[in-house]
Amino acid sequence: MVVLSYVFSMVLFAVILLETIVSMRARQAVLGSRERYVLLTQRRILSWTVNVGFAIQGVIGLVTGQSLATLSLAFAVYLSWVEVKNHSDDDDWFNGRMKKIGRGLKKAFTVRVRVPAVAPAPAFG
């Protein structure tokens, strides 16, 4: 289990380095350009991968009894909070998608009740 934890940590470190490189390139890209759009989309995906990786590492650490597991979970929560707070107006594919996804999920899980149409009573007269 120690080897698996070590390998997971090294993969997480590699993703962090890749996210840093993508983030630095995105800062140098011209506002509104396709390059910036693609780089910020990649940065957002890598950032959430790191956040989920820290959370998984913390849960595995709690299960195996590692001493720094709570620190990893706290770091995952902090990074997620920073991601939501600071990067809500980025020029990427995910901008505005959460509202659309939420509307789609709400529409998919809404119970629709069909009321049969009542024909009007015939008028005698």
Protein backbone atom coordinates (compact mmCIF):
# COMPACT_ATOMS: atom_id res chain seq x y z
CA MET A 1 0.00 0.00 0.00
CA VAL A 2 2.95 2.29 0.63
CA VAL A 3 4.16 1.86 -2.96
CA LEU A 4 0.69 2.68 -4.30
CA SER A 5 0.56 5.82 -2.16
CA TYR A 6 4.02 6.83 -3.37
CA VAL A 7 3.09 6.31 -7.03
CA PHE A 8 -0.14 8.28 -6.56
CA SER A 9 1.82 11.13 -4.97
CA MET A 10 4.29 11.22 -7.86
CA VAL A 11 1.47 11.27 -10.45
CA LEU A 12 -0.20 14.08 -8.50
CA PHE A 13 3.09 15.99 -8.43
CA ALA A 14 3.45 15.60 -12.21
CA VAL A 15 -0.08 16.94 -12.75
CA ILE A 16 0.72 19.92 -10.49
CA LEU A 17 3.83 20.68 -12.57
CA LEU A 18 1.82 20.40 -15.79
CA GLU A 19 -0.86 22.70 -14.38
CA THR A 20 1.81 25.25 -13.45
CA ILE A 21 3.28 25.21 -16.96
CA VAL A 22 -0.15 25.58 -18.58
CA SER A 23 -1.05 28.40 -16.20
CA MET A 24 2.16 30.28 -17.00
CA ARG A 25 1.54 29.94 -20.74
CA ALA A 26 -2.07 31.12 -20.28
CA ARG A 27 -0.88 34.30 -18.55
CA GLN A 28 1.26 35.14 -21.58
CA ALA A 29 -1.51 34.52 -24.11
CA VAL A 30 -3.46 37.42 -25.61
CA LEU A 31 -6.84 38.14 -24.04
CA GLY A 32 -9.66 36.74 -26.15
CA SER A 33 -7.41 34.54 -28.28
CA ARG A 34 -8.08 30.91 -29.06
CA GLU A 35 -4.75 29.94 -27.44
CA ARG A 36 -5.84 31.52 -24.14
CA TYR A 37 -9.25 29.83 -24.38
CA VAL A 38 -7.66 26.40 -24.86
CA LEU A 39 -4.99 26.92 -22.20
CA LEU A 40 -7.46 28.14 -19.58
CA THR A 41 -9.73 25.19 -20.33
CA GLN A 42 -6.79 22.82 -19.85
CA ARG A 43 -5.77 24.64 -16.66
CA ARG A 44 -9.27 24.29 -15.21
CA ILE A 45 -9.31 20.54 -15.97
CA LEU A 46 -5.85 20.04 -14.47
CA SER A 47 -6.72 22.13 -11.43
CA TRP A 48 -9.81 20.09 -10.61
CA THR A 49 -7.80 16.91 -11.22
CA VAL A 50 -5.34 18.06 -8.57
CA ASN A 51 -8.17 18.91 -6.16
CA VAL A 52 -9.80 15.50 -6.60
CA GLY A 53 -6.38 13.84 -6.33
CA PHE A 54 -5.71 15.47 -2.97
CA ALA A 55 -9.16 14.44 -1.76
CA ILE A 56 -8.61 10.82 -2.84
CA GLN A 57 -5.18 10.84 -1.24
CA GLY A 58 -6.71 12.13 1.99
CA VAL A 59 -9.46 9.51 2.03
CA ILE A 60 -6.98 6.72 1.34
CA GLY A 61 -4.76 8.13 4.06
CA LEU A 62 -7.63 8.15 6.55
CA VAL A 63 -8.47 4.54 5.71
CA THR A 64 -4.86 3.39 6.08
CA GLY A 65 -4.20 5.51 9.17
CA GLN A 66 -1.62 7.93 7.80
CA SER A 67 -0.90 10.91 10.01
CA LEU A 68 -1.16 13.68 7.38
CA ALA A 69 -4.41 12.54 5.76
CA THR A 70 -6.47 15.33 7.29
CA LEU A 71 -3.96 17.87 5.97
CA SER A 72 -4.44 16.49 2.46
CA LEU A 73 -8.23 16.71 2.79
CA ALA A 74 -8.01 20.25 4.14
CA PHE A 75 -5.74 21.20 1.26
CA ALA A 76 -8.24 19.74 -1.23
CA VAL A 77 -11.04 21.81 0.30
CA TYR A 78 -8.91 24.96 0.28
CA LEU A 79 -7.82 24.49 -3.34
CA SER A 80 -11.42 23.89 -4.41
CA TRP A 81 -12.53 27.04 -2.61
CA VAL A 82 -9.77 29.08 -4.29
CA GLU A 83 -10.68 27.61 -7.68
CA VAL A 84 -14.34 28.52 -7.33
CA LYS A 85 -13.65 31.97 -5.86
CA ASN A 86 -10.82 33.20 -8.09
CA HIS A 87 -11.48 31.62 -11.45
CA SER A 88 -15.19 32.18 -11.99
CA ASP A 89 -14.68 34.73 -14.78
CA ASP A 90 -12.00 32.91 -16.78
CA ASP A 91 -12.26 32.85 -20.54
CA ASP A 92 -12.65 29.06 -20.85
CA TRP A 93 -15.11 26.42 -21.99
CA PHE A 94 -16.55 25.97 -18.50
CA ASN A 95 -17.61 29.62 -18.18
CA GLY A 96 -21.40 29.52 -17.77
CA ARG A 97 -21.60 25.75 -18.24
CA MET A 98 -22.59 25.01 -14.64
CA LYS A 99 -25.84 26.93 -15.05
CA LYS A 100 -26.59 25.05 -18.26
CA ILE A 101 -25.71 21.70 -16.69
CA GLY A 102 -27.83 22.55 -13.64
CA ARG A 103 -30.81 23.47 -15.80
CA GLY A 104 -30.41 20.25 -17.75
CA LEU A 105 -30.24 18.14 -14.59
CA LYS A 106 -33.24 19.94 -13.13
CA LYS A 107 -35.19 19.33 -16.32
CA ALA A 108 -34.14 15.67 -16.41
CA PHE A 109 -35.16 14.95 -12.82
CA THR A 110 -38.36 17.02 -12.73
CA VAL A 111 -41.46 14.89 -12.45
CA ARG A 112 -43.85 15.77 -15.22
CA VAL A 113 -47.52 15.21 -14.55
CA ARG A 114 -49.76 15.10 -17.59
CA VAL A 115 -53.28 16.28 -17.00
CA PRO A 116 -55.65 14.85 -19.58
CA ALA A 117 -57.46 17.43 -21.60
CA VAL A 118 -61.16 17.56 -20.73
CA ALA A 119 -63.49 17.97 -23.67
CA PRO A 120 -66.07 20.69 -23.19
CA ALA A 121 -69.60 19.56 -22.41
CA PRO A 122 -71.94 19.71 -25.40
CA ALA A 123 -74.21 22.72 -25.36
CA PHE A 124 -77.88 21.99 -25.81
CA GLY A 125 -79.90 24.79 -26.77
